[in-house]
PDB file of all heavy atoms in Angstrom:
ATOM      1  N   PRO A   1       7.185   1.882  -0.607  1.00  0.00           N
ATOM      2  CA  PRO A   1       8.179   1.303  -1.507  1.00  0.00           C
ATOM      3  C   PRO A   1       7.613   0.287  -2.497  1.00  0.00           C
ATOM      4  O   PRO A   1       8.273  -0.069  -3.454  1.00  0.00           O
ATOM      5  CB  PRO A   1       9.206   0.676  -0.577  1.00  0.00           C
ATOM      6  CG  PRO A   1       8.605   0.629   0.762  1.00  0.00           C
ATOM      7  CD  PRO A   1       7.444   1.590   0.781  1.00  0.00           C
ATOM      8  N   ALA A   2       6.381  -0.147  -2.257  1.00  0.00           N
ATOM      9  CA  ALA A   2       5.754  -1.081  -3.192  1.00  0.00           C
ATOM     10  C   ALA A   2       5.172  -0.335  -4.412  1.00  0.00           C
ATOM     11  O   ALA A   2       4.908  -0.954  -5.434  1.00  0.00           O
ATOM     12  CB  ALA A   2       4.663  -1.875  -2.496  1.00  0.00           C
ATOM     13  N   GLU A   3       4.999   0.966  -4.286  1.00  0.00           N
ATOM     14  CA  GLU A   3       4.474   1.755  -5.418  1.00  0.00           C
ATOM     15  C   GLU A   3       5.570   1.815  -6.477  1.00  0.00           C
ATOM     16  O   GLU A   3       6.731   2.091  -6.171  1.00  0.00           O
ATOM     17  CB  GLU A   3       4.109   3.160  -4.912  1.00  0.00           C
ATOM     18  CG  GLU A   3       3.287   3.981  -5.868  1.00  0.00           C
ATOM     19  CD  GLU A   3       4.129   4.719  -6.890  1.00  0.00           C
ATOM     20  OE1 GLU A   3       5.185   5.247  -6.527  1.00  0.00           O
ATOM     21  OE2 GLU A   3       3.737   4.736  -8.058  1.00  0.00           O
ATOM     22  N   PRO A   4       5.237   1.521  -7.747  1.00  0.00           N
ATOM     23  CA  PRO A   4       6.265   1.397  -8.794  1.00  0.00           C
ATOM     24  C   PRO A   4       7.190   2.613  -8.944  1.00  0.00           C
ATOM     25  O   PRO A   4       8.402   2.445  -9.046  1.00  0.00           O
ATOM     26  CB  PRO A   4       5.451   1.162 -10.067  1.00  0.00           C
ATOM     27  CG  PRO A   4       4.159   0.590  -9.601  1.00  0.00           C
ATOM     28  CD  PRO A   4       3.906   1.212  -8.253  1.00  0.00           C
ATOM     29  N   ARG A   5       6.670   3.812  -8.973  1.00  0.00           N
ATOM     30  CA  ARG A   5       7.522   4.990  -9.142  1.00  0.00           C
ATOM     31  C   ARG A   5       8.431   5.190  -7.921  1.00  0.00           C
ATOM     32  O   ARG A   5       9.592   5.562  -8.051  1.00  0.00           O
ATOM     33  CB  ARG A   5       6.680   6.234  -9.361  1.00  0.00           C
ATOM     34  CG  ARG A   5       5.919   6.193 -10.654  1.00  0.00           C
ATOM     35  CD  ARG A   5       6.521   7.181 -11.604  1.00  0.00           C
ATOM     36  NE  ARG A   5       5.668   7.279 -12.773  1.00  0.00           N
ATOM     37  CZ  ARG A   5       6.057   6.931 -13.975  1.00  0.00           C
ATOM     38  NH1 ARG A   5       7.262   6.454 -14.158  1.00  0.00           N
ATOM     39  NH2 ARG A   5       5.241   7.045 -14.999  1.00  0.00           N
ATOM     40  N   HIS A   6       7.898   4.924  -6.754  1.00  0.00           N
ATOM     41  CA  HIS A   6       8.686   5.038  -5.534  1.00  0.00           C
ATOM     42  C   HIS A   6       9.802   4.012  -5.541  1.00  0.00           C
ATOM     43  O   HIS A   6      10.960   4.334  -5.242  1.00  0.00           O
ATOM     44  CB  HIS A   6       7.793   4.856  -4.303  1.00  0.00           C
ATOM     45  CG  HIS A   6       8.522   4.993  -3.017  1.00  0.00           C
ATOM     46  ND1 HIS A   6       8.814   6.211  -2.460  1.00  0.00           N
ATOM     47  CD2 HIS A   6       9.056   4.069  -2.189  1.00  0.00           C
ATOM     48  CE1 HIS A   6       9.475   6.037  -1.340  1.00  0.00           C
ATOM     49  NE2 HIS A   6       9.632   4.735  -1.147  1.00  0.00           N
ATOM     50  N   ARG A   7       9.491   2.792  -5.897  1.00  0.00           N
ATOM     51  CA  ARG A   7      10.485   1.720  -5.952  1.00  0.00           C
ATOM     52  C   ARG A   7      11.580   2.089  -6.959  1.00  0.00           C
ATOM     53  O   ARG A   7      12.769   1.924  -6.691  1.00  0.00           O
ATOM     54  CB  ARG A   7       9.820   0.385  -6.314  1.00  0.00           C
ATOM     55  CG  ARG A   7      10.766  -0.794  -6.289  1.00  0.00           C
ATOM     56  CD  ARG A   7      10.080  -2.123  -6.514  1.00  0.00           C
ATOM     57  NE  ARG A   7       9.178  -2.140  -7.658  1.00  0.00           N
ATOM     58  CZ  ARG A   7       7.838  -2.151  -7.587  1.00  0.00           C
ATOM     59  NH1 ARG A   7       7.245  -2.128  -6.428  1.00  0.00           N
ATOM     60  NH2 ARG A   7       7.112  -2.152  -8.681  1.00  0.00           N
ATOM     61  N   GLU A   8      11.182   2.618  -8.109  1.00  0.00           N
ATOM     62  CA  GLU A   8      12.145   3.025  -9.134  1.00  0.00           C
ATOM     63  C   GLU A   8      13.058   4.134  -8.604  1.00  0.00           C
ATOM     64  O   GLU A   8      14.283   4.104  -8.805  1.00  0.00           O
ATOM     65  CB  GLU A   8      11.409   3.511 -10.380  1.00  0.00           C
ATOM     66  CG  GLU A   8      12.302   3.948 -11.497  1.00  0.00           C
ATOM     67  CD  GLU A   8      11.511   4.448 -12.699  1.00  0.00           C
ATOM     68  OE1 GLU A   8      10.311   4.143 -12.828  1.00  0.00           O
ATOM     69  OE2 GLU A   8      12.118   5.156 -13.512  1.00  0.00           O
ATOM     70  N   ALA A   9      12.496   5.108  -7.905  1.00  0.00           N
ATOM     71  CA  ALA A   9      13.299   6.197  -7.334  1.00  0.00           C
ATOM     72  C   ALA A   9      14.281   5.661  -6.289  1.00  0.00           C
ATOM     73  O   ALA A   9      15.439   6.087  -6.236  1.00  0.00           O
ATOM     74  CB  ALA A   9      12.403   7.255  -6.734  1.00  0.00           C
ATOM     75  N   LEU A  10      13.853   4.714  -5.479  1.00  0.00           N
ATOM     76  CA  LEU A  10      14.733   4.121  -4.493  1.00  0.00           C
ATOM     77  C   LEU A  10      15.872   3.352  -5.160  1.00  0.00           C
ATOM     78  O   LEU A  10      17.018   3.403  -4.698  1.00  0.00           O
ATOM     79  CB  LEU A  10      13.954   3.198  -3.564  1.00  0.00           C
ATOM     80  CG  LEU A  10      12.984   3.891  -2.602  1.00  0.00           C
ATOM     81  CD1 LEU A  10      12.167   2.837  -1.846  1.00  0.00           C
ATOM     82  CD2 LEU A  10      13.706   4.803  -1.660  1.00  0.00           C
ATOM     83  N   GLU A  11      15.565   2.670  -6.261  1.00  0.00           N
ATOM     84  CA  GLU A  11      16.601   1.945  -6.996  1.00  0.00           C
ATOM     85  C   GLU A  11      17.617   2.887  -7.602  1.00  0.00           C
ATOM     86  O   GLU A  11      18.830   2.626  -7.565  1.00  0.00           O
ATOM     87  CB  GLU A  11      15.969   1.062  -8.068  1.00  0.00           C
ATOM     88  CG  GLU A  11      15.194  -0.115  -7.504  1.00  0.00           C
ATOM     89  CD  GLU A  11      14.332  -0.822  -8.533  1.00  0.00           C
ATOM     90  OE1 GLU A  11      14.286  -0.409  -9.716  1.00  0.00           O
ATOM     91  OE2 GLU A  11      13.661  -1.798  -8.144  1.00  0.00           O
ATOM     92  N   ILE A  12      17.160   3.999  -8.155  1.00  0.00           N
ATOM     93  CA  ILE A  12      18.069   5.008  -8.722  1.00  0.00           C
ATOM     94  C   ILE A  12      18.946   5.576  -7.607  1.00  0.00           C
ATOM     95  O   ILE A  12      20.165   5.748  -7.781  1.00  0.00           O
ATOM     96  CB  ILE A  12      17.275   6.118  -9.435  1.00  0.00           C
ATOM     97  CG1 ILE A  12      16.620   5.563 -10.691  1.00  0.00           C
ATOM     98  CG2 ILE A  12      18.174   7.329  -9.758  1.00  0.00           C
ATOM     99  CD1 ILE A  12      15.602   6.492 -11.320  1.00  0.00           C
ATOM    100  N   THR A  13      18.334   5.867  -6.474  1.00  0.00           N
ATOM    101  CA  THR A  13      19.096   6.390  -5.332  1.00  0.00           C
ATOM    102  C   THR A  13      20.155   5.390  -4.889  1.00  0.00           C
ATOM    103  O   THR A  13      21.314   5.766  -4.646  1.00  0.00           O
ATOM    104  CB  THR A  13      18.136   6.727  -4.166  1.00  0.00           C
ATOM    105  OG1 THR A  13      17.196   7.702  -4.602  1.00  0.00           O
ATOM    106  CG2 THR A  13      18.892   7.243  -2.961  1.00  0.00           C
ATOM    107  N   ALA A  14      19.806   4.134  -4.796  1.00  0.00           N
ATOM    108  CA  ALA A  14      20.756   3.104  -4.380  1.00  0.00           C
ATOM    109  C   ALA A  14      21.914   2.974  -5.374  1.00  0.00           C
ATOM    110  O   ALA A  14      23.084   2.868  -4.966  1.00  0.00           O
ATOM    111  CB  ALA A  14      20.043   1.760  -4.216  1.00  0.00           C
ATOM    112  N   ARG A  15      21.604   3.016  -6.677  1.00  0.00           N
ATOM    113  CA  ARG A  15      22.670   2.929  -7.691  1.00  0.00           C
ATOM    114  C   ARG A  15      23.581   4.159  -7.624  1.00  0.00           C
ATOM    115  O   ARG A  15      24.797   4.041  -7.756  1.00  0.00           O
ATOM    116  CB  ARG A  15      22.077   2.775  -9.088  1.00  0.00           C
ATOM    117  CG  ARG A  15      21.488   1.400  -9.344  1.00  0.00           C
ATOM    118  CD  ARG A  15      21.215   1.137 -10.825  1.00  0.00           C
ATOM    119  NE  ARG A  15      20.448   2.171 -11.483  1.00  0.00           N
ATOM    120  CZ  ARG A  15      19.127   2.175 -11.621  1.00  0.00           C
ATOM    121  NH1 ARG A  15      18.402   1.194 -11.131  1.00  0.00           N
ATOM    122  NH2 ARG A  15      18.522   3.166 -12.252  1.00  0.00           N
ATOM    123  N   THR A  16      22.987   5.322  -7.402  1.00  0.00           N
ATOM    124  CA  THR A  16      23.778   6.552  -7.303  1.00  0.00           C
ATOM    125  C   THR A  16      24.691   6.488  -6.092  1.00  0.00           C
ATOM    126  O   THR A  16      25.883   6.819  -6.182  1.00  0.00           O
ATOM    127  CB  THR A  16      22.849   7.779  -7.235  1.00  0.00           C
ATOM    128  OG1 THR A  16      22.033   7.804  -8.402  1.00  0.00           O
ATOM    129  CG2 THR A  16      23.639   9.063  -7.128  1.00  0.00           C
ATOM    130  N   GLU A  17      24.165   6.067  -4.962  1.00  0.00           N
ATOM    131  CA  GLU A  17      24.968   5.954  -3.754  1.00  0.00           C
ATOM    132  C   GLU A  17      26.099   4.947  -3.950  1.00  0.00           C
ATOM    133  O   GLU A  17      27.222   5.172  -3.493  1.00  0.00           O
ATOM    134  CB  GLU A  17      24.113   5.594  -2.561  1.00  0.00           C
ATOM    135  CG  GLU A  17      23.237   6.739  -2.107  1.00  0.00           C
ATOM    136  CD  GLU A  17      22.323   6.390  -0.948  1.00  0.00           C
ATOM    137  OE1 GLU A  17      22.410   5.256  -0.415  1.00  0.00           O
ATOM    138  OE2 GLU A  17      21.530   7.249  -0.557  1.00  0.00           O
ATOM    139  N   ALA A  18      25.814   3.833  -4.612  1.00  0.00           N
ATOM    140  CA  ALA A  18      26.861   2.830  -4.863  1.00  0.00           C
ATOM    141  C   ALA A  18      27.961   3.416  -5.749  1.00  0.00           C
ATOM    142  O   ALA A  18      29.143   3.170  -5.515  1.00  0.00           O
ATOM    143  CB  ALA A  18      26.251   1.584  -5.501  1.00  0.00           C
ATOM    144  N   ALA A  19      27.586   4.183  -6.755  1.00  0.00           N
ATOM    145  CA  ALA A  19      28.559   4.796  -7.644  1.00  0.00           C
ATOM    146  C   ALA A  19      29.426   5.818  -6.880  1.00  0.00           C
ATOM    147  O   ALA A  19      30.661   5.855  -7.054  1.00  0.00           O
ATOM    148  CB  ALA A  19      27.874   5.491  -8.822  1.00  0.00           C
ATOM    149  N   ILE A  20      28.800   6.597  -6.026  1.00  0.00           N
ATOM    150  CA  ILE A  20      29.551   7.572  -5.218  1.00  0.00           C
ATOM    151  C   ILE A  20      30.517   6.837  -4.288  1.00  0.00           C
ATOM    152  O   ILE A  20      31.685   7.204  -4.170  1.00  0.00           O
ATOM    153  CB  ILE A  20      28.591   8.467  -4.433  1.00  0.00           C
ATOM    154  CG1 ILE A  20      27.806   9.373  -5.374  1.00  0.00           C
ATOM    155  CG2 ILE A  20      29.349   9.314  -3.395  1.00  0.00           C
ATOM    156  CD1 ILE A  20      26.630  10.092  -4.727  1.00  0.00           C
ATOM    157  N   ALA A  21      30.036   5.787  -3.641  1.00  0.00           N
ATOM    158  CA  ALA A  21      30.886   5.003  -2.735  1.00  0.00           C
ATOM    159  C   ALA A  21      32.065   4.409  -3.485  1.00  0.00           C
ATOM    160  O   ALA A  21      33.199   4.417  -2.989  1.00  0.00           O
ATOM    161  CB  ALA A  21      30.068   3.910  -2.041  1.00  0.00           C
ATOM    162  N   ASP A  22      31.827   3.891  -4.680  1.00  0.00           N
ATOM    163  CA  ASP A  22      32.911   3.317  -5.486  1.00  0.00           C
ATOM    164  C   ASP A  22      33.966   4.357  -5.803  1.00  0.00           C
ATOM    165  O   ASP A  22      35.155   4.091  -5.700  1.00  0.00           O
ATOM    166  CB  ASP A  22      32.376   2.726  -6.785  1.00  0.00           C
ATOM    167  CG  ASP A  22      31.645   1.405  -6.583  1.00  0.00           C
ATOM    168  OD1 ASP A  22      31.764   0.808  -5.485  1.00  0.00           O
ATOM    169  OD2 ASP A  22      30.943   0.984  -7.521  1.00  0.00           O
ATOM    170  N   VAL A  23      33.548   5.553  -6.191  1.00  0.00           N
ATOM    171  CA  VAL A  23      34.503   6.622  -6.507  1.00  0.00           C
ATOM    172  C   VAL A  23      35.320   6.975  -5.266  1.00  0.00           C
ATOM    173  O   VAL A  23      36.551   7.064  -5.330  1.00  0.00           O
ATOM    174  CB  VAL A  23      33.790   7.870  -7.079  1.00  0.00           C
ATOM    175  CG1 VAL A  23      34.720   9.069  -7.134  1.00  0.00           C
ATOM    176  CG2 VAL A  23      33.210   7.569  -8.460  1.00  0.00           C
ATOM    177  N   LEU A  24      34.643   7.170  -4.149  1.00  0.00           N
ATOM    178  CA  LEU A  24      35.358   7.532  -2.904  1.00  0.00           C
ATOM    179  C   LEU A  24      36.346   6.449  -2.497  1.00  0.00           C
ATOM    180  O   LEU A  24      37.482   6.738  -2.108  1.00  0.00           O
ATOM    181  CB  LEU A  24      34.356   7.771  -1.778  1.00  0.00           C
ATOM    182  CG  LEU A  24      33.478   9.012  -1.922  1.00  0.00           C
ATOM    183  CD1 LEU A  24      32.406   9.015  -0.851  1.00  0.00           C
ATOM    184  CD2 LEU A  24      34.322  10.278  -1.862  1.00  0.00           C
ATOM    185  N   HIS A  25      35.936   5.191  -2.621  1.00  0.00           N
ATOM    186  CA  HIS A  25      36.794   4.087  -2.231  1.00  0.00           C
ATOM    187  C   HIS A  25      37.948   3.925  -3.233  1.00  0.00           C
ATOM    188  O   HIS A  25      39.124   3.809  -2.842  1.00  0.00           O
ATOM    189  CB  HIS A  25      35.983   2.791  -2.118  1.00  0.00           C
ATOM    190  CG  HIS A  25      36.810   1.616  -1.733  1.00  0.00           C
ATOM    191  ND1 HIS A  25      37.374   1.485  -0.481  1.00  0.00           N
ATOM    192  CD2 HIS A  25      37.190   0.523  -2.440  1.00  0.00           C
ATOM    193  CE1 HIS A  25      38.047   0.350  -0.430  1.00  0.00           C
ATOM    194  NE2 HIS A  25      37.956  -0.254  -1.597  1.00  0.00           N
ATOM    195  N   ASN A  26      37.638   3.925  -4.518  1.00  0.00           N
ATOM    196  CA  ASN A  26      38.648   3.699  -5.546  1.00  0.00           C
ATOM    197  C   ASN A  26      39.675   4.827  -5.640  1.00  0.00           C
ATOM    198  O   ASN A  26      40.810   4.604  -6.033  1.00  0.00           O
ATOM    199  CB  ASN A  26      38.009   3.470  -6.911  1.00  0.00           C
ATOM    200  CG  ASN A  26      37.232   2.173  -6.958  1.00  0.00           C
ATOM    201  OD1 ASN A  26      37.480   1.255  -6.192  1.00  0.00           O
ATOM    202  ND2 ASN A  26      36.275   2.096  -7.851  1.00  0.00           N
ATOM    203  N   LYS A  27      39.285   6.028  -5.259  1.00  0.00           N
ATOM    204  CA  LYS A  27      40.215   7.166  -5.275  1.00  0.00           C
ATOM    205  C   LYS A  27      40.999   7.261  -3.972  1.00  0.00           C
ATOM    206  O   LYS A  27      41.783   8.188  -3.784  1.00  0.00           O
ATOM    207  CB  LYS A  27      39.455   8.488  -5.507  1.00  0.00           C
ATOM    208  CG  LYS A  27      38.764   8.578  -6.837  1.00  0.00           C
ATOM    209  CD  LYS A  27      39.760   8.864  -7.927  1.00  0.00           C
ATOM    210  CE  LYS A  27      39.048   9.062  -9.242  1.00  0.00           C
ATOM    211  NZ  LYS A  27      39.961   9.324 -10.337  1.00  0.00           N
TER     212      LYS A  27
END
């Protein structure tokens, strides 16, 4: 996770999961 591309991919995954969770919760 310290490797820059890996860290970036993890951040994208976390943002995507947060967006999915928001949709599920808000709906």
